[in-house]
Amino acid sequence: EDTAVYYCAADINLYNRRWYPASLG
């Protein structure tokens, strides 16, 4: 069930936006 494409992301406020991936920079 871990099978997936894994993406790295960066954002000044990533933790607070972690449930909203579309908002990340």
mmCIF file of all heavy atoms, coordinates in Angstrom:
data_MODEL
# 
_entry.id   MODEL 
# 
loop_
_atom_site.group_PDB 
_atom_site.id 
_atom_site.type_symbol 
_atom_site.label_atom_id 
_atom_site.label_alt_id 
_atom_site.label_comp_id 
_atom_site.label_asym_id 
_atom_site.label_entity_id 
_atom_site.label_seq_id 
_atom_site.pdbx_PDB_ins_code 
_atom_site.Cartn_x 
_atom_site.Cartn_y 
_atom_site.Cartn_z 
_atom_site.occupancy 
_atom_site.B_iso_or_equiv 
_atom_site.pdbx_formal_charge 
_atom_site.auth_seq_id 
_atom_site.auth_comp_id 
_atom_site.auth_asym_id 
_atom_site.auth_atom_id 
_atom_site.pdbx_PDB_model_num 
ATOM 1   N N   . GLU A 1 1  ? 0.795  -1.216 0.000  1.00 0.00 ? 1  GLU A N   1 
ATOM 2   C CA  . GLU A 1 1  ? 0.000  0.000  0.000  1.00 0.00 ? 1  GLU A CA  1 
ATOM 3   C C   . GLU A 1 1  ? 0.832  1.272  0.000  1.00 0.00 ? 1  GLU A C   1 
ATOM 4   O O   . GLU A 1 1  ? 0.288  2.371  -0.132 1.00 0.00 ? 1  GLU A O   1 
ATOM 5   C CB  . GLU A 1 1  ? -0.980 0.023  1.183  1.00 0.00 ? 1  GLU A CB  1 
ATOM 6   C CG  . GLU A 1 1  ? -0.331 -0.259 2.523  1.00 0.00 ? 1  GLU A CG  1 
ATOM 7   C CD  . GLU A 1 1  ? -0.483 -1.701 2.954  1.00 0.00 ? 1  GLU A CD  1 
ATOM 8   O OE1 . GLU A 1 1  ? -0.276 -2.605 2.115  1.00 0.00 ? 1  GLU A OE1 1 
ATOM 9   O OE2 . GLU A 1 1  ? -0.819 -1.938 4.139  1.00 0.00 ? 1  GLU A OE2 1 
ATOM 10  N N   . ASP A 1 2  ? 2.156  1.158  0.153  1.00 0.00 ? 2  ASP A N   1 
ATOM 11  C CA  . ASP A 1 2  ? 3.044  2.302  0.008  1.00 0.00 ? 2  ASP A CA  1 
ATOM 12  C C   . ASP A 1 2  ? 3.339  2.627  -1.455 1.00 0.00 ? 2  ASP A C   1 
ATOM 13  O O   . ASP A 1 2  ? 3.968  3.652  -1.737 1.00 0.00 ? 2  ASP A O   1 
ATOM 14  C CB  . ASP A 1 2  ? 4.368  2.057  0.736  1.00 0.00 ? 2  ASP A CB  1 
ATOM 15  C CG  . ASP A 1 2  ? 4.202  1.929  2.236  1.00 0.00 ? 2  ASP A CG  1 
ATOM 16  O OD1 . ASP A 1 2  ? 3.417  2.716  2.819  1.00 0.00 ? 2  ASP A OD1 1 
ATOM 17  O OD2 . ASP A 1 2  ? 4.856  1.058  2.829  1.00 0.00 ? 2  ASP A OD2 1 
ATOM 18  N N   . THR A 1 3  ? 2.928  1.772  -2.362 1.00 0.00 ? 3  THR A N   1 
ATOM 19  C CA  . THR A 1 3  ? 3.182  1.981  -3.779 1.00 0.00 ? 3  THR A CA  1 
ATOM 20  C C   . THR A 1 3  ? 2.541  3.277  -4.251 1.00 0.00 ? 3  THR A C   1 
ATOM 21  O O   . THR A 1 3  ? 1.344  3.495  -4.074 1.00 0.00 ? 3  THR A O   1 
ATOM 22  C CB  . THR A 1 3  ? 2.649  0.808  -4.602 1.00 0.00 ? 3  THR A CB  1 
ATOM 23  O OG1 . THR A 1 3  ? 3.380  -0.381 -4.270 1.00 0.00 ? 3  THR A OG1 1 
ATOM 24  C CG2 . THR A 1 3  ? 2.805  1.069  -6.094 1.00 0.00 ? 3  THR A CG2 1 
ATOM 25  N N   . ALA A 1 4  ? 3.346  4.147  -4.841 1.00 0.00 ? 4  ALA A N   1 
ATOM 26  C CA  . ALA A 1 4  ? 2.877  5.453  -5.300 1.00 0.00 ? 4  ALA A CA  1 
ATOM 27  C C   . ALA A 1 4  ? 4.040  6.192  -5.946 1.00 0.00 ? 4  ALA A C   1 
ATOM 28  O O   . ALA A 1 4  ? 5.191  5.768  -5.854 1.00 0.00 ? 4  ALA A O   1 
ATOM 29  C CB  . ALA A 1 4  ? 2.325  6.281  -4.135 1.00 0.00 ? 4  ALA A CB  1 
ATOM 30  N N   . VAL A 1 5  ? 3.723  7.300  -6.577 1.00 0.00 ? 5  VAL A N   1 
ATOM 31  C CA  . VAL A 1 5  ? 4.744  8.259  -6.960 1.00 0.00 ? 5  VAL A CA  1 
ATOM 32  C C   . VAL A 1 5  ? 4.961  9.176  -5.767 1.00 0.00 ? 5  VAL A C   1 
ATOM 33  O O   . VAL A 1 5  ? 4.008  9.743  -5.230 1.00 0.00 ? 5  VAL A O   1 
ATOM 34  C CB  . VAL A 1 5  ? 4.338  9.073  -8.202 1.00 0.00 ? 5  VAL A CB  1 
ATOM 35  C CG1 . VAL A 1 5  ? 5.396  10.125 -8.519 1.00 0.00 ? 5  VAL A CG1 1 
ATOM 36  C CG2 . VAL A 1 5  ? 4.140  8.155  -9.400 1.00 0.00 ? 5  VAL A CG2 1 
ATOM 37  N N   . TYR A 1 6  ? 6.209  9.317  -5.358 1.00 0.00 ? 6  TYR A N   1 
ATOM 38  C CA  . TYR A 1 6  ? 6.552  10.145 -4.204 1.00 0.00 ? 6  TYR A CA  1 
ATOM 39  C C   . TYR A 1 6  ? 7.116  11.468 -4.678 1.00 0.00 ? 6  TYR A C   1 
ATOM 40  O O   . TYR A 1 6  ? 8.019  11.510 -5.518 1.00 0.00 ? 6  TYR A O   1 
ATOM 41  C CB  . TYR A 1 6  ? 7.558  9.418  -3.311 1.00 0.00 ? 6  TYR A CB  1 
ATOM 42  C CG  . TYR A 1 6  ? 6.912  8.351  -2.461 1.00 0.00 ? 6  TYR A CG  1 
ATOM 43  C CD1 . TYR A 1 6  ? 6.420  7.196  -3.040 1.00 0.00 ? 6  TYR A CD1 1 
ATOM 44  C CD2 . TYR A 1 6  ? 6.768  8.526  -1.086 1.00 0.00 ? 6  TYR A CD2 1 
ATOM 45  C CE1 . TYR A 1 6  ? 5.796  6.226  -2.269 1.00 0.00 ? 6  TYR A CE1 1 
ATOM 46  C CE2 . TYR A 1 6  ? 6.156  7.561  -0.303 1.00 0.00 ? 6  TYR A CE2 1 
ATOM 47  C CZ  . TYR A 1 6  ? 5.669  6.413  -0.902 1.00 0.00 ? 6  TYR A CZ  1 
ATOM 48  O OH  . TYR A 1 6  ? 5.060  5.446  -0.133 1.00 0.00 ? 6  TYR A OH  1 
ATOM 49  N N   . TYR A 1 7  ? 6.585  12.545 -4.109 1.00 0.00 ? 7  TYR A N   1 
ATOM 50  C CA  . TYR A 1 7  ? 6.966  13.898 -4.487 1.00 0.00 ? 7  TYR A CA  1 
ATOM 51  C C   . TYR A 1 7  ? 7.571  14.635 -3.305 1.00 0.00 ? 7  TYR A C   1 
ATOM 52  O O   . TYR A 1 7  ? 7.069  14.547 -2.183 1.00 0.00 ? 7  TYR A O   1 
ATOM 53  C CB  . TYR A 1 7  ? 5.752  14.686 -4.970 1.00 0.00 ? 7  TYR A CB  1 
ATOM 54  C CG  . TYR A 1 7  ? 5.103  14.154 -6.218 1.00 0.00 ? 7  TYR A CG  1 
ATOM 55  C CD1 . TYR A 1 7  ? 4.086  13.212 -6.148 1.00 0.00 ? 7  TYR A CD1 1 
ATOM 56  C CD2 . TYR A 1 7  ? 5.502  14.610 -7.471 1.00 0.00 ? 7  TYR A CD2 1 
ATOM 57  C CE1 . TYR A 1 7  ? 3.483  12.727 -7.291 1.00 0.00 ? 7  TYR A CE1 1 
ATOM 58  C CE2 . TYR A 1 7  ? 4.897  14.126 -8.618 1.00 0.00 ? 7  TYR A CE2 1 
ATOM 59  C CZ  . TYR A 1 7  ? 3.888  13.189 -8.521 1.00 0.00 ? 7  TYR A CZ  1 
ATOM 60  O OH  . TYR A 1 7  ? 3.288  12.718 -9.655 1.00 0.00 ? 7  TYR A OH  1 
ATOM 61  N N   . CYS A 1 8  ? 8.603  15.380 -3.574 1.00 0.00 ? 8  CYS A N   1 
ATOM 62  C CA  . CYS A 1 8  ? 9.202  16.285 -2.612 1.00 0.00 ? 8  CYS A CA  1 
ATOM 63  C C   . CYS A 1 8  ? 8.576  17.661 -2.778 1.00 0.00 ? 8  CYS A C   1 
ATOM 64  O O   . CYS A 1 8  ? 8.285  18.088 -3.899 1.00 0.00 ? 8  CYS A O   1 
ATOM 65  C CB  . CYS A 1 8  ? 10.717 16.342 -2.853 1.00 0.00 ? 8  CYS A CB  1 
ATOM 66  S SG  . CYS A 1 8  ? 11.623 17.506 -1.831 1.00 0.00 ? 8  CYS A SG  1 
ATOM 67  N N   . ALA A 1 9  ? 8.356  18.359 -1.670 1.00 0.00 ? 9  ALA A N   1 
ATOM 68  C CA  . ALA A 1 9  ? 7.771  19.688 -1.713 1.00 0.00 ? 9  ALA A CA  1 
ATOM 69  C C   . ALA A 1 9  ? 8.488  20.617 -0.745 1.00 0.00 ? 9  ALA A C   1 
ATOM 70  O O   . ALA A 1 9  ? 9.060  20.173 0.256  1.00 0.00 ? 9  ALA A O   1 
ATOM 71  C CB  . ALA A 1 9  ? 6.282  19.638 -1.363 1.00 0.00 ? 9  ALA A CB  1 
ATOM 72  N N   . ALA A 1 10 ? 8.444  21.905 -1.041 1.00 0.00 ? 10 ALA A N   1 
ATOM 73  C CA  . ALA A 1 10 ? 9.041  22.931 -0.192 1.00 0.00 ? 10 ALA A CA  1 
ATOM 74  C C   . ALA A 1 10 ? 8.081  24.097 -0.067 1.00 0.00 ? 10 ALA A C   1 
ATOM 75  O O   . ALA A 1 10 ? 7.441  24.498 -1.042 1.00 0.00 ? 10 ALA A O   1 
ATOM 76  C CB  . ALA A 1 10 ? 10.372 23.404 -0.771 1.00 0.00 ? 10 ALA A CB  1 
ATOM 77  N N   . ASP A 1 11 ? 7.997  24.641 1.139  1.00 0.00 ? 11 ASP A N   1 
ATOM 78  C CA  . ASP A 1 11 ? 7.140  25.795 1.382  1.00 0.00 ? 11 ASP A CA  1 
ATOM 79  C C   . ASP A 1 11 ? 7.528  26.415 2.712  1.00 0.00 ? 11 ASP A C   1 
ATOM 80  O O   . ASP A 1 11 ? 7.913  25.698 3.638  1.00 0.00 ? 11 ASP A O   1 
ATOM 81  C CB  . ASP A 1 11 ? 5.665  25.390 1.403  1.00 0.00 ? 11 ASP A CB  1 
ATOM 82  C CG  . ASP A 1 11 ? 4.731  26.570 1.237  1.00 0.00 ? 11 ASP A CG  1 
ATOM 83  O OD1 . ASP A 1 11 ? 4.468  27.259 2.255  1.00 0.00 ? 11 ASP A OD1 1 
ATOM 84  O OD2 . ASP A 1 11 ? 4.255  26.798 0.113  1.00 0.00 ? 11 ASP A OD2 1 
ATOM 85  N N   . ILE A 1 12 ? 7.411  27.729 2.806  1.00 0.00 ? 12 ILE A N   1 
ATOM 86  C CA  . ILE A 1 12 ? 7.715  28.407 4.059  1.00 0.00 ? 12 ILE A CA  1 
ATOM 87  C C   . ILE A 1 12 ? 6.808  27.909 5.185  1.00 0.00 ? 12 ILE A C   1 
ATOM 88  O O   . ILE A 1 12 ? 7.232  27.813 6.341  1.00 0.00 ? 12 ILE A O   1 
ATOM 89  C CB  . ILE A 1 12 ? 7.574  29.933 3.895  1.00 0.00 ? 12 ILE A CB  1 
ATOM 90  C CG1 . ILE A 1 12 ? 8.625  30.458 2.912  1.00 0.00 ? 12 ILE A CG1 1 
ATOM 91  C CG2 . ILE A 1 12 ? 7.694  30.629 5.227  1.00 0.00 ? 12 ILE A CG2 1 
ATOM 92  C CD1 . ILE A 1 12 ? 10.047 30.310 3.421  1.00 0.00 ? 12 ILE A CD1 1 
ATOM 93  N N   . ASN A 1 13 ? 5.585  27.553 4.849  1.00 0.00 ? 13 ASN A N   1 
ATOM 94  C CA  . ASN A 1 13 ? 4.609  27.094 5.833  1.00 0.00 ? 13 ASN A CA  1 
ATOM 95  C C   . ASN A 1 13 ? 4.073  25.712 5.481  1.00 0.00 ? 13 ASN A C   1 
ATOM 96  O O   . ASN A 1 13 ? 2.870  25.459 5.560  1.00 0.00 ? 13 ASN A O   1 
ATOM 97  C CB  . ASN A 1 13 ? 3.458  28.091 5.937  1.00 0.00 ? 13 ASN A CB  1 
ATOM 98  C CG  . ASN A 1 13 ? 3.886  29.437 6.447  1.00 0.00 ? 13 ASN A CG  1 
ATOM 99  O OD1 . ASN A 1 13 ? 4.452  29.540 7.528  1.00 0.00 ? 13 ASN A OD1 1 
ATOM 100 N ND2 . ASN A 1 13 ? 3.615  30.482 5.668  1.00 0.00 ? 13 ASN A ND2 1 
ATOM 101 N N   . LEU A 1 14 ? 4.956  24.791 5.116  1.00 0.00 ? 14 LEU A N   1 
ATOM 102 C CA  . LEU A 1 14 ? 4.510  23.493 4.639  1.00 0.00 ? 14 LEU A CA  1 
ATOM 103 C C   . LEU A 1 14 ? 3.709  22.728 5.684  1.00 0.00 ? 14 LEU A C   1 
ATOM 104 O O   . LEU A 1 14 ? 2.690  22.109 5.369  1.00 0.00 ? 14 LEU A O   1 
ATOM 105 C CB  . LEU A 1 14 ? 5.700  22.661 4.168  1.00 0.00 ? 14 LEU A CB  1 
ATOM 106 C CG  . LEU A 1 14 ? 5.335  21.331 3.504  1.00 0.00 ? 14 LEU A CG  1 
ATOM 107 C CD1 . LEU A 1 14 ? 6.274  21.033 2.356  1.00 0.00 ? 14 LEU A CD1 1 
ATOM 108 C CD2 . LEU A 1 14 ? 5.365  20.179 4.516  1.00 0.00 ? 14 LEU A CD2 1 
ATOM 109 N N   . TYR A 1 15 ? 4.157  22.750 6.938  1.00 0.00 ? 15 TYR A N   1 
ATOM 110 C CA  . TYR A 1 15 ? 3.470  21.967 7.958  1.00 0.00 ? 15 TYR A CA  1 
ATOM 111 C C   . TYR A 1 15 ? 2.005  22.391 8.085  1.00 0.00 ? 15 TYR A C   1 
ATOM 112 O O   . TYR A 1 15 ? 1.108  21.543 8.125  1.00 0.00 ? 15 TYR A O   1 
ATOM 113 C CB  . TYR A 1 15 ? 4.165  22.097 9.307  1.00 0.00 ? 15 TYR A CB  1 
ATOM 114 C CG  . TYR A 1 15 ? 3.423  21.381 10.418 1.00 0.00 ? 15 TYR A CG  1 
ATOM 115 C CD1 . TYR A 1 15 ? 3.452  19.997 10.498 1.00 0.00 ? 15 TYR A CD1 1 
ATOM 116 C CD2 . TYR A 1 15 ? 2.690  22.089 11.354 1.00 0.00 ? 15 TYR A CD2 1 
ATOM 117 C CE1 . TYR A 1 15 ? 2.767  19.331 11.497 1.00 0.00 ? 15 TYR A CE1 1 
ATOM 118 C CE2 . TYR A 1 15 ? 2.009  21.427 12.358 1.00 0.00 ? 15 TYR A CE2 1 
ATOM 119 C CZ  . TYR A 1 15 ? 2.046  20.052 12.426 1.00 0.00 ? 15 TYR A CZ  1 
ATOM 120 O OH  . TYR A 1 15 ? 1.366  19.392 13.421 1.00 0.00 ? 15 TYR A OH  1 
ATOM 121 N N   . ASN A 1 16 ? 1.767  23.694 8.130  1.00 0.00 ? 16 ASN A N   1 
ATOM 122 C CA  . ASN A 1 16 ? 0.401  24.175 8.276  1.00 0.00 ? 16 ASN A CA  1 
ATOM 123 C C   . ASN A 1 16 ? -0.453 23.907 7.043  1.00 0.00 ? 16 ASN A C   1 
ATOM 124 O O   . ASN A 1 16 ? -1.676 23.882 7.126  1.00 0.00 ? 16 ASN A O   1 
ATOM 125 C CB  . ASN A 1 16 ? 0.393  25.669 8.578  1.00 0.00 ? 16 ASN A CB  1 
ATOM 126 C CG  . ASN A 1 16 ? 0.863  25.985 9.982  1.00 0.00 ? 16 ASN A CG  1 
ATOM 127 O OD1 . ASN A 1 16 ? 0.736  25.166 10.885 1.00 0.00 ? 16 ASN A OD1 1 
ATOM 128 N ND2 . ASN A 1 16 ? 1.399  27.175 10.166 1.00 0.00 ? 16 ASN A ND2 1 
ATOM 129 N N   . ARG A 1 17 ? 0.192  23.699 5.898  1.00 0.00 ? 17 ARG A N   1 
ATOM 130 C CA  . ARG A 1 17 ? -0.513 23.460 4.639  1.00 0.00 ? 17 ARG A CA  1 
ATOM 131 C C   . ARG A 1 17 ? -0.456 22.005 4.192  1.00 0.00 ? 17 ARG A C   1 
ATOM 132 O O   . ARG A 1 17 ? -0.835 21.701 3.059  1.00 0.00 ? 17 ARG A O   1 
ATOM 133 C CB  . ARG A 1 17 ? 0.076  24.349 3.548  1.00 0.00 ? 17 ARG A CB  1 
ATOM 134 C CG  . ARG A 1 17 ? -0.070 25.846 3.831  1.00 0.00 ? 17 ARG A CG  1 
ATOM 135 C CD  . ARG A 1 17 ? 0.734  26.685 2.853  1.00 0.00 ? 17 ARG A CD  1 
ATOM 136 N NE  . ARG A 1 17 ? 0.524  28.111 3.078  1.00 0.00 ? 17 ARG A NE  1 
ATOM 137 C CZ  . ARG A 1 17 ? 1.215  29.071 2.489  1.00 0.00 ? 17 ARG A CZ  1 
ATOM 138 N NH1 . ARG A 1 17 ? 2.179  28.765 1.622  1.00 0.00 ? 17 ARG A NH1 1 
ATOM 139 N NH2 . ARG A 1 17 ? 0.954  30.348 2.753  1.00 0.00 ? 17 ARG A NH2 1 
ATOM 140 N N   . ARG A 1 18 ? -0.025 21.102 5.071  1.00 0.00 ? 18 ARG A N   1 
ATOM 141 C CA  . ARG A 1 18 ? 0.258  19.738 4.663  1.00 0.00 ? 18 ARG A CA  1 
ATOM 142 C C   . ARG A 1 18 ? -0.966 18.986 4.172  1.00 0.00 ? 18 ARG A C   1 
ATOM 143 O O   . ARG A 1 18 ? -0.828 18.022 3.409  1.00 0.00 ? 18 ARG A O   1 
ATOM 144 C CB  . ARG A 1 18 ? 0.925  18.966 5.803  1.00 0.00 ? 18 ARG A CB  1 
ATOM 145 C CG  . ARG A 1 18 ? 0.031  18.734 7.026  1.00 0.00 ? 18 ARG A CG  1 
ATOM 146 C CD  . ARG A 1 18 ? 0.872  18.299 8.212  1.00 0.00 ? 18 ARG A CD  1 
ATOM 147 N NE  . ARG A 1 18 ? 0.082  17.933 9.373  1.00 0.00 ? 18 ARG A NE  1 
ATOM 148 C CZ  . ARG A 1 18 ? -0.424 18.815 10.240 1.00 0.00 ? 18 ARG A CZ  1 
ATOM 149 N NH1 . ARG A 1 18 ? -0.236 20.111 10.071 1.00 0.00 ? 18 ARG A NH1 1 
ATOM 150 N NH2 . ARG A 1 18 ? -1.121 18.387 11.284 1.00 0.00 ? 18 ARG A NH2 1 
ATOM 151 N N   . TRP A 1 19 ? -2.140 19.381 4.626  1.00 0.00 ? 19 TRP A N   1 
ATOM 152 C CA  . TRP A 1 19 ? -3.371 18.737 4.166  1.00 0.00 ? 19 TRP A CA  1 
ATOM 153 C C   . TRP A 1 19 ? -3.931 19.374 2.906  1.00 0.00 ? 19 TRP A C   1 
ATOM 154 O O   . TRP A 1 19 ? -4.974 18.936 2.410  1.00 0.00 ? 19 TRP A O   1 
ATOM 155 C CB  . TRP A 1 19 ? -4.435 18.765 5.269  1.00 0.00 ? 19 TRP A CB  1 
ATOM 156 C CG  . TRP A 1 19 ? -3.962 18.199 6.570  1.00 0.00 ? 19 TRP A CG  1 
ATOM 157 C CD1 . TRP A 1 19 ? -3.923 18.837 7.772  1.00 0.00 ? 19 TRP A CD1 1 
ATOM 158 C CD2 . TRP A 1 19 ? -3.453 16.879 6.814  1.00 0.00 ? 19 TRP A CD2 1 
ATOM 159 N NE1 . TRP A 1 19 ? -3.442 18.007 8.741  1.00 0.00 ? 19 TRP A NE1 1 
ATOM 160 C CE2 . TRP A 1 19 ? -3.132 16.795 8.191  1.00 0.00 ? 19 TRP A CE2 1 
ATOM 161 C CE3 . TRP A 1 19 ? -3.239 15.763 6.009  1.00 0.00 ? 19 TRP A CE3 1 
ATOM 162 C CZ2 . TRP A 1 19 ? -2.609 15.647 8.765  1.00 0.00 ? 19 TRP A CZ2 1 
ATOM 163 C CZ3 . TRP A 1 19 ? -2.701 14.613 6.582  1.00 0.00 ? 19 TRP A CZ3 1 
ATOM 164 C CH2 . TRP A 1 19 ? -2.399 14.569 7.940  1.00 0.00 ? 19 TRP A CH2 1 
ATOM 165 N N   . TYR A 1 20 ? -3.245 20.363 2.382  1.00 0.00 ? 20 TYR A N   1 
ATOM 166 C CA  . TYR A 1 20 ? -3.689 21.069 1.193  1.00 0.00 ? 20 TYR A CA  1 
ATOM 167 C C   . TYR A 1 20 ? -2.534 21.172 0.204  1.00 0.00 ? 20 TYR A C   1 
ATOM 168 O O   . TYR A 1 20 ? -1.965 22.246 -0.002 1.00 0.00 ? 20 TYR A O   1 
ATOM 169 C CB  . TYR A 1 20 ? -4.217 22.454 1.566  1.00 0.00 ? 20 TYR A CB  1 
ATOM 170 C CG  . TYR A 1 20 ? -5.243 22.407 2.669  1.00 0.00 ? 20 TYR A CG  1 
ATOM 171 C CD1 . TYR A 1 20 ? -4.891 22.656 3.984  1.00 0.00 ? 20 TYR A CD1 1 
ATOM 172 C CD2 . TYR A 1 20 ? -6.570 22.081 2.389  1.00 0.00 ? 20 TYR A CD2 1 
ATOM 173 C CE1 . TYR A 1 20 ? -5.833 22.593 5.003  1.00 0.00 ? 20 TYR A CE1 1 
ATOM 174 C CE2 . TYR A 1 20 ? -7.511 22.019 3.399  1.00 0.00 ? 20 TYR A CE2 1 
ATOM 175 C CZ  . TYR A 1 20 ? -7.140 22.272 4.704  1.00 0.00 ? 20 TYR A CZ  1 
ATOM 176 O OH  . TYR A 1 20 ? -8.068 22.207 5.711  1.00 0.00 ? 20 TYR A OH  1 
ATOM 177 N N   . PRO A 1 21 ? -2.174 20.055 -0.413 1.00 0.00 ? 21 PRO A N   1 
ATOM 178 C CA  . PRO A 1 21 ? -0.990 20.044 -1.293 1.00 0.00 ? 21 PRO A CA  1 
ATOM 179 C C   . PRO A 1 21 ? -1.038 21.070 -2.415 1.00 0.00 ? 21 PRO A C   1 
ATOM 180 O O   . PRO A 1 21 ? 0.012  21.585 -2.803 1.00 0.00 ? 21 PRO A O   1 
ATOM 181 C CB  . PRO A 1 21 ? -0.989 18.611 -1.860 1.00 0.00 ? 21 PRO A CB  1 
ATOM 182 C CG  . PRO A 1 21 ? -1.723 17.804 -0.841 1.00 0.00 ? 21 PRO A CG  1 
ATOM 183 C CD  . PRO A 1 21 ? -2.776 18.725 -0.293 1.00 0.00 ? 21 PRO A CD  1 
ATOM 184 N N   . ALA A 1 22 ? -2.207 21.383 -2.924 1.00 0.00 ? 22 ALA A N   1 
ATOM 185 C CA  . ALA A 1 22 ? -2.309 22.332 -4.026 1.00 0.00 ? 22 ALA A CA  1 
ATOM 186 C C   . ALA A 1 22 ? -1.853 23.723 -3.638 1.00 0.00 ? 22 ALA A C   1 
ATOM 187 O O   . ALA A 1 22 ? -1.552 24.534 -4.515 1.00 0.00 ? 22 ALA A O   1 
ATOM 188 C CB  . ALA A 1 22 ? -3.739 22.378 -4.553 1.00 0.00 ? 22 ALA A CB  1 
ATOM 189 N N   . SER A 1 23 ? -1.775 24.013 -2.340 1.00 0.00 ? 23 SER A N   1 
ATOM 190 C CA  . SER A 1 23 ? -1.368 25.327 -1.880 1.00 0.00 ? 23 SER A CA  1 
ATOM 191 C C   . SER A 1 23 ? 0.136  25.475 -1.723 1.00 0.00 ? 23 SER A C   1 
ATOM 192 O O   . SER A 1 23 ? 0.616  26.586 -1.488 1.00 0.00 ? 23 SER A O   1 
ATOM 193 C CB  . SER A 1 23 ? -2.042 25.648 -0.544 1.00 0.00 ? 23 SER A CB  1 
ATOM 194 O OG  . SER A 1 23 ? -1.495 24.874 0.511  1.00 0.00 ? 23 SER A OG  1 
ATOM 195 N N   . LEU A 1 24 ? 0.890  24.398 -1.859 1.00 0.00 ? 24 LEU A N   1 
ATOM 196 C CA  . LEU A 1 24 ? 2.326  24.433 -1.595 1.00 0.00 ? 24 LEU A CA  1 
ATOM 197 C C   . LEU A 1 24 ? 3.099  25.055 -2.747 1.00 0.00 ? 24 LEU A C   1 
ATOM 198 O O   . LEU A 1 24 ? 2.704  24.951 -3.911 1.00 0.00 ? 24 LEU A O   1 
ATOM 199 C CB  . LEU A 1 24 ? 2.843  23.025 -1.308 1.00 0.00 ? 24 LEU A CB  1 
ATOM 200 C CG  . LEU A 1 24 ? 2.210  22.356 -0.082 1.00 0.00 ? 24 LEU A CG  1 
ATOM 201 C CD1 . LEU A 1 24 ? 2.755  20.949 0.099  1.00 0.00 ? 24 LEU A CD1 1 
ATOM 202 C CD2 . LEU A 1 24 ? 2.453  23.182 1.170  1.00 0.00 ? 24 LEU A CD2 1 
ATOM 203 N N   . GLY A 1 25 ? 4.222  25.671 -2.402 1.00 0.00 ? 25 GLY A N   1 
ATOM 204 C CA  . GLY A 1 25 ? 4.929  26.492 -3.375 1.00 0.00 ? 25 GLY A CA  1 
ATOM 205 C C   . GLY A 1 25 ? 5.752  25.772 -4.408 1.00 0.00 ? 25 GLY A C   1 
ATOM 206 O O   . GLY A 1 25 ? 5.735  26.145 -5.589 1.00 0.00 ? 25 GLY A O   1 
# 
